[in-house]
Protein backbone atom coordinates (compact mmCIF):
# COMPACT_ATOMS: atom_id res chain seq x y z
CA MET A 1 44.03 -183.55 36.01
CA GLU A 2 44.59 -187.20 36.67
CA ASN A 3 42.34 -189.37 34.48
CA ILE A 4 40.79 -191.92 36.85
CA ALA A 5 37.56 -193.86 36.77
CA LEU A 6 35.31 -193.05 39.71
CA THR A 7 33.15 -195.58 41.47
CA GLU A 8 29.47 -195.07 40.88
CA ALA A 9 28.98 -194.12 44.53
CA VAL A 10 31.67 -191.43 44.44
CA TYR A 11 30.35 -190.02 41.16
CA TYR A 12 26.82 -189.76 42.54
CA VAL A 13 28.02 -188.20 45.80
CA LEU A 14 29.93 -185.55 43.83
CA LEU A 15 26.81 -184.83 41.75
CA SER A 16 24.69 -184.49 44.88
CA LEU A 17 27.12 -181.98 46.40
CA TYR A 18 26.64 -179.26 43.79
CA GLN A 19 24.44 -177.94 46.58
CA PRO A 20 25.31 -178.06 50.30
CA MET A 21 24.05 -181.25 51.89
CA HIS A 22 24.50 -183.39 55.00
CA GLY A 23 25.08 -187.14 54.99
CA TYR A 24 21.49 -188.34 55.15
CA GLY A 25 20.49 -185.81 52.50
CA ILE A 26 23.26 -187.15 50.25
CA MET A 27 21.94 -190.68 50.71
CA LEU A 28 18.43 -189.56 49.70
CA LYS A 29 19.68 -187.48 46.75
CA VAL A 30 21.79 -190.34 45.34
CA GLU A 31 18.83 -192.68 45.64
CA SER A 32 16.61 -190.14 43.91
CA ILE A 33 18.89 -189.26 40.97
CA SER A 34 19.70 -192.94 40.36
CA ASP A 35 15.99 -193.81 40.34
CA LYS A 36 16.55 -195.89 43.51
CA ARG A 37 19.12 -198.10 41.77
CA VAL A 38 22.01 -196.86 43.94
CA ARG A 39 21.52 -196.93 47.69
CA LEU A 40 24.45 -195.91 49.84
CA ALA A 41 25.07 -197.57 53.17
CA ALA A 42 26.31 -195.22 55.89
CA GLY A 43 29.75 -196.84 55.97
CA THR A 44 30.16 -196.49 52.20
CA LEU A 45 29.03 -192.88 52.27
CA TYR A 46 31.21 -191.74 55.16
CA GLY A 47 34.23 -193.61 53.80
CA ALA A 48 33.74 -191.87 50.45
CA LEU A 49 33.26 -188.48 52.12
CA SER A 50 36.44 -188.93 54.12
CA SER A 51 38.42 -189.86 51.01
CA MET A 52 37.01 -186.96 48.99
CA LEU A 53 37.77 -184.52 51.82
CA ASP A 54 41.39 -185.76 51.86
CA LYS A 55 41.66 -185.29 48.09
CA GLY A 56 40.17 -181.79 48.21
CA TRP A 57 37.20 -182.75 46.03
CA ILE A 58 34.69 -181.62 48.66
CA LYS A 59 34.80 -179.44 51.75
CA ALA A 60 32.97 -179.54 55.06
CA LEU A 61 31.05 -176.36 55.71
CA PRO A 62 31.21 -174.60 59.06
CA GLY A 63 28.12 -175.36 61.07
CA ASP A 64 26.55 -175.34 64.48
CA LYS A 65 29.09 -176.74 66.93
CA ASN A 66 26.27 -178.42 68.87
CA SER A 67 24.97 -180.30 65.84
CA ARG A 68 26.27 -183.69 64.72
CA LYS A 69 25.15 -182.94 61.16
CA ARG A 70 27.94 -181.75 58.89
CA GLU A 71 27.18 -180.23 55.53
CA TYR A 72 29.48 -180.77 52.57
CA LEU A 73 29.95 -178.99 49.25
CA ILE A 74 31.87 -179.88 46.10
CA THR A 75 35.03 -177.82 45.44
CA GLU A 76 36.31 -176.54 42.09
CA LYS A 77 38.73 -179.48 42.02
CA GLY A 78 35.81 -181.82 42.67
CA LYS A 79 33.84 -180.22 39.82
CA GLN A 80 36.78 -180.86 37.48
CA VAL A 81 36.86 -184.49 38.61
CA ALA A 82 33.08 -184.86 38.03
CA GLU A 83 33.31 -183.21 34.59
CA THR A 84 36.22 -185.47 33.59
CA GLU A 85 34.22 -188.52 34.68
CA LEU A 86 31.17 -187.33 32.74
CA SER A 87 33.32 -187.01 29.59
CA ARG A 88 34.73 -190.50 30.19
CA LEU A 89 31.24 -191.96 30.59
CA LYS A 90 30.02 -190.22 27.42
CA GLU A 91 32.95 -191.74 25.53
CA LEU A 92 32.05 -195.20 26.86
CA VAL A 93 28.45 -194.81 25.68
CA ARG A 94 29.52 -193.39 22.30
CA ASN A 95 31.91 -196.31 21.71
CA GLY A 96 29.32 -198.82 22.87
CA ASP A 97 26.74 -197.35 20.49
CA LEU A 98 29.22 -197.51 17.61
CA THR A 99 30.15 -201.11 18.37
CA ILE A 100 26.90 -202.63 19.56
CA GLY A 101 24.22 -200.25 18.36
CA GLY A 102 25.72 -199.29 15.02
CA THR A 103 24.88 -195.62 15.54
CA LYS A 104 27.07 -192.52 15.63
């Protein structure tokens, strides 16, 4: 697994897709889990979704052909990416605490 730092938006989108969700639902979920600190614009969201689809981190679920709403779900590869990012973020906090906070 490639060790890359995710943008905050991509990380939150991956977290939101542990359950099937459409674009607007993702926007609301990200806003909710970030305590309204992160708000995704439609262009940012759909650009991120397109990139994650290409990388195989998420998949589009089959849906009603007459509906414009597409639901997405994280893949196993996407879960590995999210877990790797979570470990990276924990390391950042741990090192910050040791350096700035003086705690272990």
